């Protein structure tokens, strides 16, 4: 993925990222089925999609960690 795409993903909310992750997983499943049926011409698409899923999961985990830390800091200050 290009850096501009990653930066765009970082501006999305967790809910939007969950939707993108669900769509990417469905697309990966479709690619796997196409590969098994010998319909997939470019098999490198599988690795691209897996990497996309990994990036989405990483960004989601970072956002969740930042949120949890903000809540913990806010709770500790009160």
C-alpha atoms as a PDB file:
ATOM      1  CA  UNK A   1       0.000   0.000   0.000  1.00  0.00           C
ATOM      2  CA  UNK A   2       1.132   3.497  -0.691  1.00  0.00           C
ATOM      3  CA  UNK A   3       1.724   5.920   2.138  1.00  0.00           C
ATOM      4  CA  UNK A   4      -1.096   8.165   0.951  1.00  0.00           C
ATOM      5  CA  UNK A   5      -3.543   5.281   1.256  1.00  0.00           C
ATOM      6  CA  UNK A   6      -2.271   4.465   4.752  1.00  0.00           C
ATOM      7  CA  UNK A   7      -2.615   8.097   5.821  1.00  0.00           C
ATOM      8  CA  UNK A   8      -6.153   8.130   4.460  1.00  0.00           C
ATOM      9  CA  UNK A   9      -6.959   4.998   6.456  1.00  0.00           C
ATOM     10  CA  UNK A  10      -5.583   6.580   9.629  1.00  0.00           C
ATOM     11  CA  UNK A  11      -8.153   9.367   9.371  1.00  0.00           C
ATOM     12  CA  UNK A  12     -11.075   6.922   9.330  1.00  0.00           C
ATOM     13  CA  UNK A  13     -13.015   5.902  12.416  1.00  0.00           C
ATOM     14  CA  UNK A  14     -12.846   2.438  13.919  1.00  0.00           C
ATOM     15  CA  UNK A  15     -16.319   1.630  12.578  1.00  0.00           C
ATOM     16  CA  UNK A  16     -15.279   2.571   9.031  1.00  0.00           C
ATOM     17  CA  UNK A  17     -12.145   0.459   9.401  1.00  0.00           C
ATOM     18  CA  UNK A  18     -14.234  -2.501  10.590  1.00  0.00           C
ATOM     19  CA  UNK A  19     -16.381  -2.194   7.470  1.00  0.00           C
ATOM     20  CA  UNK A  20     -13.298  -2.039   5.246  1.00  0.00           C
ATOM     21  CA  UNK A  21     -11.823  -5.043   7.058  1.00  0.00           C
ATOM     22  CA  UNK A  22     -14.994  -7.068   6.553  1.00  0.00           C
ATOM     23  CA  UNK A  23     -15.027  -6.179   2.856  1.00  0.00           C
ATOM     24  CA  UNK A  24     -11.344  -7.080   2.484  1.00  0.00           C
ATOM     25  CA  UNK A  25     -11.888 -10.452   4.156  1.00  0.00           C
ATOM     26  CA  UNK A  26     -14.800 -11.208   1.827  1.00  0.00           C
ATOM     27  CA  UNK A  27     -12.663 -10.240  -1.149  1.00  0.00           C
ATOM     28  CA  UNK A  28      -9.861 -12.519   0.086  1.00  0.00           C
ATOM     29  CA  UNK A  29     -12.305 -15.389   0.399  1.00  0.00           C
ATOM     30  CA  UNK A  30     -13.516 -14.771  -3.149  1.00  0.00           C
ATOM     31  CA  UNK A  31      -9.925 -14.718  -4.390  1.00  0.00           C
ATOM     32  CA  UNK A  32      -9.200 -18.015  -2.637  1.00  0.00           C
ATOM     33  CA  UNK A  33     -12.264 -19.595  -4.200  1.00  0.00           C
ATOM     34  CA  UNK A  34     -11.281 -18.285  -7.631  1.00  0.00           C
ATOM     35  CA  UNK A  35      -7.799 -19.722  -7.170  1.00  0.00           C
ATOM     36  CA  UNK A  36      -9.179 -23.148  -6.311  1.00  0.00           C
ATOM     37  CA  UNK A  37     -11.412 -23.067  -9.381  1.00  0.00           C
ATOM     38  CA  UNK A  38      -8.493 -21.954 -11.584  1.00  0.00           C
ATOM     39  CA  UNK A  39     -10.237 -18.682 -12.415  1.00  0.00           C
ATOM     40  CA  UNK A  40      -7.631 -16.432 -10.793  1.00  0.00           C
ATOM     41  CA  UNK A  41      -5.086 -15.169 -13.312  1.00  0.00           C
ATOM     42  CA  UNK A  42      -2.958 -13.013 -11.008  1.00  0.00           C
ATOM     43  CA  UNK A  43      -2.241 -15.067  -7.893  1.00  0.00           C
ATOM     44  CA  UNK A  44      -0.228 -12.248  -6.328  1.00  0.00           C
ATOM     45  CA  UNK A  45      -3.563 -10.579  -5.577  1.00  0.00           C
ATOM     46  CA  UNK A  46      -3.879 -12.995  -2.647  1.00  0.00           C
ATOM     47  CA  UNK A  47      -0.763 -11.647  -0.951  1.00  0.00           C
ATOM     48  CA  UNK A  48      -1.766  -8.047  -1.710  1.00  0.00           C
ATOM     49  CA  UNK A  49      -5.142  -8.602  -0.061  1.00  0.00           C
ATOM     50  CA  UNK A  50      -3.554 -10.289   2.981  1.00  0.00           C
ATOM     51  CA  UNK A  51      -1.211  -7.327   3.370  1.00  0.00           C
ATOM     52  CA  UNK A  52      -4.141  -4.928   3.081  1.00  0.00           C
ATOM     53  CA  UNK A  53      -5.934  -6.822   5.856  1.00  0.00           C
ATOM     54  CA  UNK A  54      -2.803  -6.673   8.020  1.00  0.00           C
ATOM     55  CA  UNK A  55      -2.534  -2.901   7.540  1.00  0.00           C
ATOM     56  CA  UNK A  56      -6.202  -2.435   8.446  1.00  0.00           C
ATOM     57  CA  UNK A  57      -5.822  -4.546  11.581  1.00  0.00           C
ATOM     58  CA  UNK A  58      -2.676  -2.672  12.604  1.00  0.00           C
ATOM     59  CA  UNK A  59      -4.316   0.726  12.225  1.00  0.00           C
ATOM     60  CA  UNK A  60      -7.368  -0.471  14.161  1.00  0.00           C
ATOM     61  CA  UNK A  61      -5.192  -1.783  16.998  1.00  0.00           C
ATOM     62  CA  UNK A  62      -3.254   1.480  17.159  1.00  0.00           C
ATOM     63  CA  UNK A  63      -6.501   3.475  17.325  1.00  0.00           C
ATOM     64  CA  UNK A  64      -7.910   1.199  20.048  1.00  0.00           C
ATOM     65  CA  UNK A  65      -4.707   1.494  22.068  1.00  0.00           C
ATOM     66  CA  UNK A  66      -4.698   5.278  21.793  1.00  0.00           C
ATOM     67  CA  UNK A  67      -8.371   5.412  22.808  1.00  0.00           C
ATOM     68  CA  UNK A  68      -7.801   3.114  25.784  1.00  0.00           C
ATOM     69  CA  UNK A  69      -4.812   5.149  26.901  1.00  0.00           C
ATOM     70  CA  UNK A  70      -6.787   8.387  26.610  1.00  0.00           C
ATOM     71  CA  UNK A  71      -9.617   6.934  28.682  1.00  0.00           C
ATOM     72  CA  UNK A  72      -7.165   5.620  31.276  1.00  0.00           C
ATOM     73  CA  UNK A  73      -5.384   8.964  31.494  1.00  0.00           C
ATOM     74  CA  UNK A  74      -8.675  10.802  31.787  1.00  0.00           C
ATOM     75  CA  UNK A  75      -9.899   8.417  34.478  1.00  0.00           C
ATOM     76  CA  UNK A  76      -6.666   8.732  36.428  1.00  0.00           C
ATOM     77  CA  UNK A  77      -6.775  12.515  36.498  1.00  0.00           C
ATOM     78  CA  UNK A  78     -10.228  12.746  38.020  1.00  0.00           C
END
